[in-house]
Structures are given as C-alpha cells and as structure tokens.
C-alpha cells in the first residue's frame, strides 16, 4: 500500500523532548535484605512510563531503599519504614521533568512480613 511509512516510532516529534529525559534517578537498596526485586519492579514501572529516563541502582546499607531524583533525596525507607508507591514516584518524576520543585514522598507501603 502506498503511504505506509513502516513501524511507528516511539520517539517524540522533532522539537519535543521525550518525557522524563534529563531526569536521573538513583535507587540505593540493601541487597542482602532482598530489596533488589522491589527495585527491579519499580524500575520497570518507571521505564514503562518514561522510556528515556536514566535510572541507576547502587548497593546500600542494611535496610536501605533510598531514591534520589537529580541528586535530591525524595524517598527514604529508613525514614518511612516501607517502600514507595509507584504512583508517587511517577508523580515526582513528572514534576522533575517539568522543572517543578520536588517534595519528599512520605506515603509508603509496608514491606512484606512473613509471620
């Protein structure tokens, strides 16, 4: 058929910036605590929403699950006692990509506890 241009590109149109580009996330987590799975789940959700985002993991101290956006600590499991909700992190990334000020995420879901 004429007029077909091939597979659709997910790149933004010329002159537009891909949402989330320019935002750098660092997640520091405790590997012996088993928090790598939580990091991978969160990173996957972020990449799904913002494919162009830069997300990095770093091994941290006991009980740590800390998230920085552009060098600013936005979530700390050590302070909140749980893990962030994906929607709260996605909102923080949206704010950062729009140049809005970041606020600390204070909502957290409790870690799984096996009795």
PDB file of N, CA and C in Angstrom:
ATOM      1  N   UNK A   1       0.824  -1.176   0.000  1.00  0.00           N
ATOM      2  CA  UNK A   1       0.000   0.000   0.000  1.00  0.00           C
ATOM      3  C   UNK A   1       0.872   1.244   0.000  1.00  0.00           C
ATOM      4  N   UNK A   2       0.443   2.236  -0.699  1.00  0.00           N
ATOM      5  CA  UNK A   2       1.215   3.468  -0.704  1.00  0.00           C
ATOM      6  C   UNK A   2       0.889   4.286   0.536  1.00  0.00           C
ATOM      7  N   UNK A   3       1.841   5.111   0.956  1.00  0.00           N
ATOM      8  CA  UNK A   3       1.617   5.965   2.122  1.00  0.00           C
ATOM      9  C   UNK A   3       2.062   5.348   3.429  1.00  0.00           C
ATOM     10  N   UNK A   4       2.447   4.065   3.417  1.00  0.00           N
ATOM     11  CA  UNK A   4       2.914   3.449   4.653  1.00  0.00           C
ATOM     12  C   UNK A   4       4.352   3.878   4.915  1.00  0.00           C
ATOM     13  N   UNK A   5       4.651   4.140   6.149  1.00  0.00           N
ATOM     14  CA  UNK A   5       5.996   4.601   6.492  1.00  0.00           C
ATOM     15  C   UNK A   5       6.749   3.606   7.357  1.00  0.00           C
ATOM     16  N   UNK A   6       6.223   2.447   7.532  1.00  0.00           N
ATOM     17  CA  UNK A   6       6.900   1.457   8.358  1.00  0.00           C
ATOM     18  C   UNK A   6       6.392   1.505   9.788  1.00  0.00           C
ATOM     19  N   UNK A   7       7.100   0.823  10.680  1.00  0.00           N
ATOM     20  CA  UNK A   7       6.641   0.759  12.072  1.00  0.00           C
ATOM     21  C   UNK A   7       6.614   2.146  12.709  1.00  0.00           C
ATOM     22  N   UNK A   8       5.659   2.331  13.575  1.00  0.00           N
ATOM     23  CA  UNK A   8       5.536   3.612  14.281  1.00  0.00           C
ATOM     24  C   UNK A   8       6.698   3.781  15.238  1.00  0.00           C
ATOM     25  N   UNK A   9       7.255   4.969  15.278  1.00  0.00           N
ATOM     26  CA  UNK A   9       8.367   5.265  16.170  1.00  0.00           C
ATOM     27  C   UNK A   9       7.833   5.812  17.480  1.00  0.00           C
ATOM     28  N   UNK A  10       8.464   5.438  18.569  1.00  0.00           N
ATOM     29  CA  UNK A  10       8.040   5.973  19.867  1.00  0.00           C
ATOM     30  C   UNK A  10       8.804   7.250  20.212  1.00  0.00           C
ATOM     31  N   UNK A  11       9.686   7.688  19.305  1.00  0.00           N
ATOM     32  CA  UNK A  11      10.437   8.922  19.548  1.00  0.00           C
ATOM     33  C   UNK A  11       9.503  10.120  19.455  1.00  0.00           C
ATOM     34  N   UNK A  12       9.766  11.148  20.237  1.00  0.00           N
ATOM     35  CA  UNK A  12       8.923  12.338  20.179  1.00  0.00           C
ATOM     36  C   UNK A  12       9.117  13.074  18.860  1.00  0.00           C
ATOM     37  N   UNK A  13       8.129  13.860  18.430  1.00  0.00           N
ATOM     38  CA  UNK A  13       8.287  14.640  17.205  1.00  0.00           C
ATOM     39  C   UNK A  13       9.462  15.605  17.329  1.00  0.00           C
ATOM     40  N   UNK A  14      10.048  16.021  16.209  1.00  0.00           N
ATOM     41  CA  UNK A  14      11.171  16.963  16.267  1.00  0.00           C
ATOM     42  C   UNK A  14      10.799  18.209  17.062  1.00  0.00           C
ATOM     43  N   UNK A  15      11.718  18.654  17.884  1.00  0.00           N
ATOM     44  CA  UNK A  15      11.464  19.850  18.688  1.00  0.00           C
ATOM     45  C   UNK A  15      10.863  19.548  20.050  1.00  0.00           C
ATOM     46  N   UNK A  16      10.366  18.320  20.247  1.00  0.00           N
ATOM     47  CA  UNK A  16       9.798  17.949  21.545  1.00  0.00           C
ATOM     48  C   UNK A  16      10.786  17.070  22.289  1.00  0.00           C
ATOM     49  N   UNK A  17      10.786  17.215  23.588  1.00  0.00           N
ATOM     50  CA  UNK A  17      11.672  16.420  24.431  1.00  0.00           C
ATOM     51  C   UNK A  17      10.895  15.209  24.929  1.00  0.00           C
ATOM     52  N   UNK A  18      11.538  14.055  24.925  1.00  0.00           N
ATOM     53  CA  UNK A  18      10.890  12.844  25.424  1.00  0.00           C
ATOM     54  C   UNK A  18      10.615  13.005  26.912  1.00  0.00           C
ATOM     55  N   UNK A  19       9.386  12.724  27.364  1.00  0.00           N
ATOM     56  CA  UNK A  19       9.077  12.868  28.793  1.00  0.00           C
ATOM     57  C   UNK A  19      10.042  12.066  29.655  1.00  0.00           C
ATOM     58  N   UNK A  20      10.548  12.707  30.689  1.00  0.00           N
ATOM     59  CA  UNK A  20      11.464  12.041  31.602  1.00  0.00           C
ATOM     60  C   UNK A  20      12.918  12.190  31.226  1.00  0.00           C
ATOM     61  N   UNK A  21      13.219  12.610  29.986  1.00  0.00           N
ATOM     62  CA  UNK A  21      14.624  12.769  29.619  1.00  0.00           C
ATOM     63  C   UNK A  21      15.198  13.931  30.413  1.00  0.00           C
ATOM     64  N   UNK A  22      16.452  13.804  30.776  1.00  0.00           N
ATOM     65  CA  UNK A  22      17.075  14.829  31.607  1.00  0.00           C
ATOM     66  C   UNK A  22      16.857  14.594  33.090  1.00  0.00           C
ATOM     67  N   UNK A  23      16.054  13.589  33.433  1.00  0.00           N
ATOM     68  CA  UNK A  23      15.816  13.240  34.834  1.00  0.00           C
ATOM     69  C   UNK A  23      16.659  12.016  35.144  1.00  0.00           C
ATOM     70  N   UNK A  24      17.420  12.103  36.231  1.00  0.00           N
ATOM     71  CA  UNK A  24      18.294  10.995  36.626  1.00  0.00           C
ATOM     72  C   UNK A  24      17.845  10.483  37.986  1.00  0.00           C
ATOM     73  N   UNK A  25      17.601   9.193  38.058  1.00  0.00           N
ATOM     74  CA  UNK A  25      17.158   8.563  39.304  1.00  0.00           C
ATOM     75  C   UNK A  25      18.238   7.595  39.774  1.00  0.00           C
ATOM     76  N   UNK A  26      18.533   7.661  41.059  1.00  0.00           N
ATOM     77  CA  UNK A  26      19.442   6.700  41.682  1.00  0.00           C
ATOM     78  C   UNK A  26      18.669   6.044  42.826  1.00  0.00           C
ATOM     79  N   UNK A  27      18.634   4.716  42.801  1.00  0.00           N
ATOM     80  CA  UNK A  27      17.984   3.958  43.872  1.00  0.00           C
ATOM     81  C   UNK A  27      19.069   3.167  44.591  1.00  0.00           C
ATOM     82  N   UNK A  28      19.215   3.446  45.872  1.00  0.00           N
ATOM     83  CA  UNK A  28      20.174   2.726  46.700  1.00  0.00           C
ATOM     84  C   UNK A  28      19.382   1.741  47.549  1.00  0.00           C
ATOM     85  N   UNK A  29      19.746   0.460  47.456  1.00  0.00           N
ATOM     86  CA  UNK A  29      18.986  -0.543  48.201  1.00  0.00           C
ATOM     87  C   UNK A  29      19.893  -1.585  48.842  1.00  0.00           C
ATOM     88  N   UNK A  30      19.347  -2.231  49.858  1.00  0.00           N
ATOM     89  CA  UNK A  30      20.042  -3.294  50.586  1.00  0.00           C
ATOM     90  C   UNK A  30      19.819  -4.619  49.857  1.00  0.00           C
ATOM     91  N   UNK A  31      20.877  -5.143  49.246  1.00  0.00           N
ATOM     92  CA  UNK A  31      20.755  -6.417  48.528  1.00  0.00           C
ATOM     93  C   UNK A  31      20.554  -7.604  49.474  1.00  0.00           C
ATOM     94  N   UNK A  32      21.323  -7.711  50.581  1.00  0.00           N
ATOM     95  CA  UNK A  32      21.107  -8.845  51.497  1.00  0.00           C
ATOM     96  C   UNK A  32      19.696  -8.875  52.083  1.00  0.00           C
ATOM     97  N   UNK A  33      19.029  -7.713  52.124  1.00  0.00           N
ATOM     98  CA  UNK A  33      17.663  -7.641  52.660  1.00  0.00           C
ATOM     99  C   UNK A  33      16.633  -8.161  51.655  1.00  0.00           C
ATOM    100  N   UNK A  34      17.073  -8.421  50.413  1.00  0.00           N
ATOM    101  CA  UNK A  34      16.155  -8.910  49.386  1.00  0.00           C
ATOM    102  C   UNK A  34      15.390  -7.801  48.669  1.00  0.00           C
ATOM    103  N   UNK A  35      15.926  -6.569  48.690  1.00  0.00           N
ATOM    104  CA  UNK A  35      15.207  -5.434  48.104  1.00  0.00           C
ATOM    105  C   UNK A  35      15.455  -5.262  46.608  1.00  0.00           C
ATOM    106  N   UNK A  36      16.319  -6.123  46.015  1.00  0.00           N
ATOM    107  CA  UNK A  36      16.586  -5.996  44.581  1.00  0.00           C
ATOM    108  C   UNK A  36      15.316  -6.209  43.767  1.00  0.00           C
ATOM    109  N   UNK A  37      14.480  -7.164  44.151  1.00  0.00           N
ATOM    110  CA  UNK A  37      13.234  -7.423  43.421  1.00  0.00           C
ATOM    111  C   UNK A  37      12.325  -6.192  43.444  1.00  0.00           C
ATOM    112  N   UNK A  38      12.274  -5.506  44.572  1.00  0.00           N
ATOM    113  CA  UNK A  38      11.459  -4.287  44.678  1.00  0.00           C
ATOM    114  C   UNK A  38      12.023  -3.208  43.761  1.00  0.00           C
ATOM    115  N   UNK A  39      13.357  -3.080  43.734  1.00  0.00           N
ATOM    116  CA  UNK A  39      13.994  -2.112  42.841  1.00  0.00           C
ATOM    117  C   UNK A  39      13.653  -2.424  41.381  1.00  0.00           C
ATOM    118  N   UNK A  40      13.799  -3.687  40.982  1.00  0.00           N
ATOM    119  CA  UNK A  40      13.547  -4.074  39.587  1.00  0.00           C
ATOM    120  C   UNK A  40      12.096  -3.820  39.194  1.00  0.00           C
ATOM    121  N   UNK A  41      11.177  -4.092  40.091  1.00  0.00           N
ATOM    122  CA  UNK A  41       9.749  -3.853  39.848  1.00  0.00           C
ATOM    123  C   UNK A  41       9.481  -2.355  39.662  1.00  0.00           C
ATOM    124  N   UNK A  42      10.061  -1.556  40.528  1.00  0.00           N
ATOM    125  CA  UNK A  42       9.894  -0.106  40.471  1.00  0.00           C
ATOM    126  C   UNK A  42      10.545   0.460  39.205  1.00  0.00           C
ATOM    127  N   UNK A  43      11.759  -0.005  38.889  1.00  0.00           N
ATOM    128  CA  UNK A  43      12.466   0.465  37.693  1.00  0.00           C
ATOM    129  C   UNK A  43      11.687   0.124  36.431  1.00  0.00           C
ATOM    130  N   UNK A  44      11.077  -1.051  36.398  1.00  0.00           N
ATOM    131  CA  UNK A  44      10.282  -1.462  35.238  1.00  0.00           C
ATOM    132  C   UNK A  44       9.068  -0.547  35.058  1.00  0.00           C
ATOM    133  N   UNK A  45       8.389  -0.222  36.153  1.00  0.00           N
ATOM    134  CA  UNK A  45       7.226   0.667  36.094  1.00  0.00           C
ATOM    135  C   UNK A  45       7.624   2.063  35.622  1.00  0.00           C
ATOM    136  N   UNK A  46       8.769   2.538  36.101  1.00  0.00           N
ATOM    137  CA  UNK A  46       9.256   3.864  35.711  1.00  0.00           C
ATOM    138  C   UNK A  46       9.603   3.871  34.224  1.00  0.00           C
ATOM    139  N   UNK A  47      10.335   2.848  33.755  1.00  0.00           N
ATOM    140  CA  UNK A  47      10.743   2.761  32.347  1.00  0.00           C
ATOM    141  C   UNK A  47       9.528   2.639  31.423  1.00  0.00           C
ATOM    142  N   UNK A  48       8.477   1.978  31.897  1.00  0.00           N
ATOM    143  CA  UNK A  48       7.262   1.837  31.096  1.00  0.00           C
ATOM    144  C   UNK A  48       6.618   3.208  30.878  1.00  0.00           C
ATOM    145  N   UNK A  49       6.605   4.016  31.913  1.00  0.00           N
ATOM    146  CA  UNK A  49       6.001   5.351  31.848  1.00  0.00           C
ATOM    147  C   UNK A  49       6.937   6.357  31.170  1.00  0.00           C
ATOM    148  N   UNK A  50       8.243   6.245  31.452  1.00  0.00           N
ATOM    149  CA  UNK A  50       9.251   7.185  30.946  1.00  0.00           C
ATOM    150  C   UNK A  50      10.412   6.406  30.331  1.00  0.00           C
ATOM    151  N   UNK A  51      10.265   5.939  29.077  1.00  0.00           N
ATOM    152  CA  UNK A  51      11.308   5.107  28.468  1.00  0.00           C
ATOM    153  C   UNK A  51      12.678   5.777  28.371  1.00  0.00           C
ATOM    154  N   UNK A  52      12.733   7.108  28.297  1.00  0.00           N
ATOM    155  CA  UNK A  52      14.003   7.798  28.121  1.00  0.00           C
ATOM    156  C   UNK A  52      14.703   8.168  29.406  1.00  0.00           C
ATOM    157  N   UNK A  53      14.174   7.730  30.537  1.00  0.00           N
ATOM    158  CA  UNK A  53      14.730   8.148  31.826  1.00  0.00           C
ATOM    159  C   UNK A  53      16.000   7.374  32.150  1.00  0.00           C
ATOM    160  N   UNK A  54      16.876   8.006  32.891  1.00  0.00           N
ATOM    161  CA  UNK A  54      18.112   7.360  33.338  1.00  0.00           C
ATOM    162  C   UNK A  54      17.887   6.900  34.774  1.00  0.00           C
ATOM    163  N   UNK A  55      17.961   5.590  35.000  1.00  0.00           N
ATOM    164  CA  UNK A  55      17.758   5.045  36.355  1.00  0.00           C
ATOM    165  C   UNK A  55      18.936   4.127  36.674  1.00  0.00           C
ATOM    166  N   UNK A  56      19.492   4.326  37.848  1.00  0.00           N
ATOM    167  CA  UNK A  56      20.701   3.609  38.255  1.00  0.00           C
ATOM    168  C   UNK A  56      20.467   3.006  39.632  1.00  0.00           C
ATOM    169  N   UNK A  57      21.063   1.838  39.857  1.00  0.00           N
ATOM    170  CA  UNK A  57      20.970   1.229  41.186  1.00  0.00           C
ATOM    171  C   UNK A  57      22.337   1.263  41.839  1.00  0.00           C
ATOM    172  N   UNK A  58      22.291   1.281  43.155  1.00  0.00           N
ATOM    173  CA  UNK A  58      23.520   1.304  43.947  1.00  0.00           C
ATOM    174  C   UNK A  58      23.253   0.464  45.188  1.00  0.00           C
ATOM    175  N   UNK A  59      24.219  -0.346  45.583  1.00  0.00           N
ATOM    176  CA  UNK A  59      24.047  -1.139  46.794  1.00  0.00           C
ATOM    177  C   UNK A  59      24.211  -0.237  48.004  1.00  0.00           C
ATOM    178  N   UNK A  60      23.306  -0.397  48.970  1.00  0.00           N
ATOM    179  CA  UNK A  60      23.313   0.457  50.147  1.00  0.00           C
ATOM    180  C   UNK A  60      23.439  -0.348  51.423  1.00  0.00           C
ATOM    181  N   UNK A  61      23.294   0.350  52.514  1.00  0.00           N
ATOM    182  CA  UNK A  61      23.426  -0.264  53.833  1.00  0.00           C
ATOM    183  C   UNK A  61      22.206  -1.073  54.221  1.00  0.00           C
ATOM    184  N   UNK A  62      22.297  -1.696  55.382  1.00  0.00           N
ATOM    185  CA  UNK A  62      21.237  -2.545  55.892  1.00  0.00           C
ATOM    186  C   UNK A  62      19.916  -1.797  56.006  1.00  0.00           C
ATOM    187  N   UNK A  63      18.888  -2.361  55.361  1.00  0.00           N
ATOM    188  CA  UNK A  63      17.543  -1.799  55.436  1.00  0.00           C
ATOM    189  C   UNK A  63      17.298  -0.631  54.497  1.00  0.00           C
ATOM    190  N   UNK A  64      18.292  -0.246  53.712  1.00  0.00           N
ATOM    191  CA  UNK A  64      18.163   0.942  52.855  1.00  0.00           C
ATOM    192  C   UNK A  64      17.334   0.684  51.613  1.00  0.00           C
ATOM    193  N   UNK A  65      16.534   1.676  51.259  1.00  0.00           N
ATOM    194  CA  UNK A  65      15.853   1.771  49.967  1.00  0.00           C
ATOM    195  C   UNK A  65      15.603   3.259  49.783  1.00  0.00           C
ATOM    196  N   UNK A  66      16.621   3.927  49.251  1.00  0.00           N
ATOM    197  CA  UNK A  66      16.616   5.386  49.145  1.00  0.00           C
ATOM    198  C   UNK A  66      16.531   5.778  47.674  1.00  0.00           C
ATOM    199  N   UNK A  67      15.736   6.779  47.352  1.00  0.00           N
ATOM    200  CA  UNK A  67      15.574   7.210  45.964  1.00  0.00           C
ATOM    201  C   UNK A  67      15.933   8.683  45.839  1.00  0.00           C
ATOM    202  N   UNK A  68      16.842   8.967  44.910  1.00  0.00           N
ATOM    203  CA  UNK A  68      17.213  10.343  44.597  1.00  0.00           C
ATOM    204  C   UNK A  68      16.764  10.657  43.182  1.00  0.00           C
ATOM    205  N   UNK A  69      16.238  11.854  42.987  1.00  0.00           N
ATOM    206  CA  UNK A  69      15.927  12.353  41.650  1.00  0.00           C
ATOM    207  C   UNK A  69      16.780  13.600  41.446  1.00  0.00           C
ATOM    208  N   UNK A  70      17.612  13.555  40.415  1.00  0.00           N
ATOM    209  CA  UNK A  70      18.524  14.667  40.115  1.00  0.00           C
ATOM    210  C   UNK A  70      19.305  15.107  41.352  1.00  0.00           C
ATOM    211  N   UNK A  71      19.765  14.119  42.136  1.00  0.00           N
ATOM    212  CA  UNK A  71      20.603  14.399  43.297  1.00  0.00           C
ATOM    213  C   UNK A  71      19.857  14.767  44.569  1.00  0.00           C
ATOM    214  N   UNK A  72      18.530  14.853  44.509  1.00  0.00           N
ATOM    215  CA  UNK A  72      17.737  15.211  45.697  1.00  0.00           C
ATOM    216  C   UNK A  72      17.051  13.965  46.250  1.00  0.00           C
ATOM    217  N   UNK A  73      17.257  13.694  47.535  1.00  0.00           N
ATOM    218  CA  UNK A  73      16.602  12.555  48.173  1.00  0.00           C
ATOM    219  C   UNK A  73      15.101  12.814  48.227  1.00  0.00           C
ATOM    220  N   UNK A  74      14.327  11.934  47.578  1.00  0.00           N
ATOM    221  CA  UNK A  74      12.867  12.106  47.574  1.00  0.00           C
ATOM    222  C   UNK A  74      12.145  11.013  48.352  1.00  0.00           C
ATOM    223  N   UNK A  75      12.856   9.908  48.628  1.00  0.00           N
ATOM    224  CA  UNK A  75      12.233   8.836  49.410  1.00  0.00           C
ATOM    225  C   UNK A  75      13.294   8.103  50.200  1.00  0.00           C
ATOM    226  N   UNK A  76      12.963   7.772  51.461  1.00  0.00           N
ATOM    227  CA  UNK A  76      13.864   7.005  52.306  1.00  0.00           C
ATOM    228  C   UNK A  76      13.074   5.957  53.084  1.00  0.00           C
ATOM    229  N   UNK A  77      13.357   4.687  52.817  1.00  0.00           N
ATOM    230  CA  UNK A  77      12.739   3.609  53.584  1.00  0.00           C
ATOM    231  C   UNK A  77      13.186   3.688  55.035  1.00  0.00           C
ATOM    232  N   UNK A  78      14.409   4.140  55.248  1.00  0.00           N
ATOM    233  CA  UNK A  78      14.919   4.252  56.617  1.00  0.00           C
ATOM    234  C   UNK A  78      14.091   5.260  57.420  1.00  0.00           C
ATOM    235  N   UNK A  79      13.567   6.294  56.749  1.00  0.00           N
ATOM    236  CA  UNK A  79      12.718   7.284  57.422  1.00  0.00           C
ATOM    237  C   UNK A  79      11.257   6.858  57.478  1.00  0.00           C
ATOM    238  N   UNK A  80      10.761   6.226  56.386  1.00  0.00           N
ATOM    239  CA  UNK A  80       9.336   5.917  56.273  1.00  0.00           C
ATOM    240  C   UNK A  80       8.953   4.509  56.710  1.00  0.00           C
ATOM    241  N   UNK A  81       9.909   3.598  56.734  1.00  0.00           N
ATOM    242  CA  UNK A  81       9.635   2.243  57.189  1.00  0.00           C
ATOM    243  C   UNK A  81       9.031   1.316  56.154  1.00  0.00           C
ATOM    244  N   UNK A  82       8.782   1.789  54.942  1.00  0.00           N
ATOM    245  CA  UNK A  82       8.207   0.942  53.900  1.00  0.00           C
ATOM    246  C   UNK A  82       8.782   1.309  52.550  1.00  0.00           C
ATOM    247  N   UNK A  83       8.095   0.892  51.500  1.00  0.00           N
ATOM    248  CA  UNK A  83       8.521   1.170  50.136  1.00  0.00           C
ATOM    249  C   UNK A  83       7.581   2.185  49.507  1.00  0.00           C
ATOM    250  N   UNK A  84       8.065   2.932  48.515  1.00  0.00           N
ATOM    251  CA  UNK A  84       7.203   3.942  47.885  1.00  0.00           C
ATOM    252  C   UNK A  84       6.147   3.298  46.995  1.00  0.00           C
ATOM    253  N   UNK A  85       5.036   3.985  46.849  1.00  0.00           N
ATOM    254  CA  UNK A  85       4.037   3.587  45.871  1.00  0.00           C
ATOM    255  C   UNK A  85       4.521   4.062  44.511  1.00  0.00           C
ATOM    256  N   UNK A  86       4.338   3.220  43.490  1.00  0.00           N
ATOM    257  CA  UNK A  86       4.790   3.572  42.137  1.00  0.00           C
ATOM    258  C   UNK A  86       4.193   4.895  41.686  1.00  0.00           C
ATOM    259  N   UNK A  87       2.899   5.114  41.961  1.00  0.00           N
ATOM    260  CA  UNK A  87       2.224   6.334  41.502  1.00  0.00           C
ATOM    261  C   UNK A  87       2.874   7.583  42.093  1.00  0.00           C
ATOM    262  N   UNK A  88       3.345   7.503  43.332  1.00  0.00           N
ATOM    263  CA  UNK A  88       4.000   8.656  43.963  1.00  0.00           C
ATOM    264  C   UNK A  88       5.347   8.956  43.301  1.00  0.00           C
ATOM    265  N   UNK A  89       6.094   7.903  42.958  1.00  0.00           N
ATOM    266  CA  UNK A  89       7.371   8.096  42.291  1.00  0.00           C
ATOM    267  C   UNK A  89       7.163   8.633  40.879  1.00  0.00           C
ATOM    268  N   UNK A  90       6.171   8.107  40.174  1.00  0.00           N
ATOM    269  CA  UNK A  90       5.859   8.579  38.819  1.00  0.00           C
ATOM    270  C   UNK A  90       5.498  10.069  38.860  1.00  0.00           C
ATOM    271  N   UNK A  91       4.735  10.478  39.863  1.00  0.00           N
ATOM    272  CA  UNK A  91       4.355  11.890  40.023  1.00  0.00           C
ATOM    273  C   UNK A  91       5.598  12.748  40.292  1.00  0.00           C
ATOM    274  N   UNK A  92       6.511  12.264  41.119  1.00  0.00           N
ATOM    275  CA  UNK A  92       7.741  13.005  41.406  1.00  0.00           C
ATOM    276  C   UNK A  92       8.581  13.163  40.138  1.00  0.00           C
ATOM    277  N   UNK A  93       8.625  12.129  39.312  1.00  0.00           N
ATOM    278  CA  UNK A  93       9.374  12.195  38.059  1.00  0.00           C
ATOM    279  C   UNK A  93       8.716  13.196  37.114  1.00  0.00           C
ATOM    280  N   UNK A  94       7.397  13.194  37.067  1.00  0.00           N
ATOM    281  CA  UNK A  94       6.677  14.154  36.225  1.00  0.00           C
ATOM    282  C   UNK A  94       7.027  15.580  36.637  1.00  0.00           C
ATOM    283  N   UNK A  95       7.022  15.807  37.946  1.00  0.00           N
ATOM    284  CA  UNK A  95       7.357  17.136  38.458  1.00  0.00           C
ATOM    285  C   UNK A  95       8.790  17.529  38.066  1.00  0.00           C
ATOM    286  N   UNK A  96       9.724  16.596  38.237  1.00  0.00           N
ATOM    287  CA  UNK A  96      11.121  16.870  37.907  1.00  0.00           C
ATOM    288  C   UNK A  96      11.291  17.159  36.420  1.00  0.00           C
ATOM    289  N   UNK A  97      10.608  16.393  35.568  1.00  0.00           N
ATOM    290  CA  UNK A  97      10.755  16.591  34.128  1.00  0.00           C
ATOM    291  C   UNK A  97      10.125  17.905  33.670  1.00  0.00           C
ATOM    292  N   UNK A  98       9.184  18.438  34.462  1.00  0.00           N
ATOM    293  CA  UNK A  98       8.562  19.733  34.151  1.00  0.00           C
ATOM    294  C   UNK A  98       9.282  20.894  34.828  1.00  0.00           C
ATOM    295  N   UNK A  99      10.363  20.580  35.563  1.00  0.00           N
ATOM    296  CA  UNK A  99      11.117  21.629  36.235  1.00  0.00           C
ATOM    297  C   UNK A  99      10.450  22.138  37.505  1.00  0.00           C
ATOM    298  N   UNK A 100       9.466  21.394  38.006  1.00  0.00           N
ATOM    299  CA  UNK A 100       8.774  21.791  39.233  1.00  0.00           C
ATOM    300  C   UNK A 100       9.592  21.356  40.447  1.00  0.00           C
ATOM    301  N   UNK A 101       9.414  22.034  41.588  1.00  0.00           N
ATOM    302  CA  UNK A 101      10.154  21.625  42.786  1.00  0.00           C
ATOM    303  C   UNK A 101       9.719  20.234  43.264  1.00  0.00           C
ATOM    304  N   UNK A 102      10.672  19.487  43.783  1.00  0.00           N
ATOM    305  CA  UNK A 102      10.382  18.144  44.289  1.00  0.00           C
ATOM    306  C   UNK A 102      10.070  18.190  45.771  1.00  0.00           C
ATOM    307  N   UNK A 103       9.158  17.340  46.174  1.00  0.00           N
ATOM    308  CA  UNK A 103       8.825  17.186  47.588  1.00  0.00           C
ATOM    309  C   UNK A 103       9.131  15.754  47.975  1.00  0.00           C
ATOM    310  N   UNK A 104       9.452  15.555  49.250  1.00  0.00           N
ATOM    311  CA  UNK A 104       9.706  14.187  49.726  1.00  0.00           C
ATOM    312  C   UNK A 104       8.427  13.365  49.668  1.00  0.00           C
ATOM    313  N   UNK A 105       8.587  12.121  49.271  1.00  0.00           N
ATOM    314  CA  UNK A 105       7.476  11.164  49.273  1.00  0.00           C
ATOM    315  C   UNK A 105       7.388  10.615  50.687  1.00  0.00           C
ATOM    316  N   UNK A 106       6.229  10.806  51.317  1.00  0.00           N
ATOM    317  CA  UNK A 106       6.077  10.343  52.698  1.00  0.00           C
ATOM    318  C   UNK A 106       5.138   9.146  52.816  1.00  0.00           C
ATOM    319  N   UNK A 107       4.340   8.876  51.777  1.00  0.00           N
ATOM    320  CA  UNK A 107       3.492   7.679  51.787  1.00  0.00           C
ATOM    321  C   UNK A 107       4.361   6.466  51.528  1.00  0.00           C
ATOM    322  N   UNK A 108       4.085   5.394  52.210  1.00  0.00           N
ATOM    323  CA  UNK A 108       4.829   4.158  51.936  1.00  0.00           C
ATOM    324  C   UNK A 108       3.955   2.957  52.224  1.00  0.00           C
ATOM    325  N   UNK A 109       4.217   1.905  51.462  1.00  0.00           N
ATOM    326  CA  UNK A 109       3.535   0.632  51.691  1.00  0.00           C
ATOM    327  C   UNK A 109       4.447  -0.220  52.556  1.00  0.00           C
ATOM    328  N   UNK A 110       3.877  -0.959  53.482  1.00  0.00           N
ATOM    329  CA  UNK A 110       4.724  -1.743  54.388  1.00  0.00           C
ATOM    330  C   UNK A 110       5.467  -2.860  53.641  1.00  0.00           C
ATOM    331  N   UNK A 111       6.656  -3.173  54.100  1.00  0.00           N
ATOM    332  CA  UNK A 111       7.375  -4.313  53.497  1.00  0.00           C
ATOM    333  C   UNK A 111       6.644  -5.596  53.854  1.00  0.00           C
ATOM    334  N   UNK A 112       6.819  -6.604  53.031  1.00  0.00           N
ATOM    335  CA  UNK A 112       6.186  -7.889  53.323  1.00  0.00           C
ATOM    336  C   UNK A 112       6.772  -8.474  54.607  1.00  0.00           C
ATOM    337  N   UNK A 113       5.915  -9.009  55.426  1.00  0.00           N
ATOM    338  CA  UNK A 113       6.372  -9.636  56.652  1.00  0.00           C
ATOM    339  C   UNK A 113       5.779 -11.046  56.699  1.00  0.00           C
ATOM    340  N   UNK A 114       6.649 -12.014  56.846  1.00  0.00           N
ATOM    341  CA  UNK A 114       6.182 -13.399  56.940  1.00  0.00           C
ATOM    342  C   UNK A 114       6.166 -13.763  58.412  1.00  0.00           C
ATOM    343  N   UNK A 115       5.003 -14.158  58.871  1.00  0.00           N
ATOM    344  CA  UNK A 115       4.855 -14.499  60.297  1.00  0.00           C
ATOM    345  C   UNK A 115       5.142 -15.947  60.558  1.00  0.00           C
TER     346      UNK A 115
END
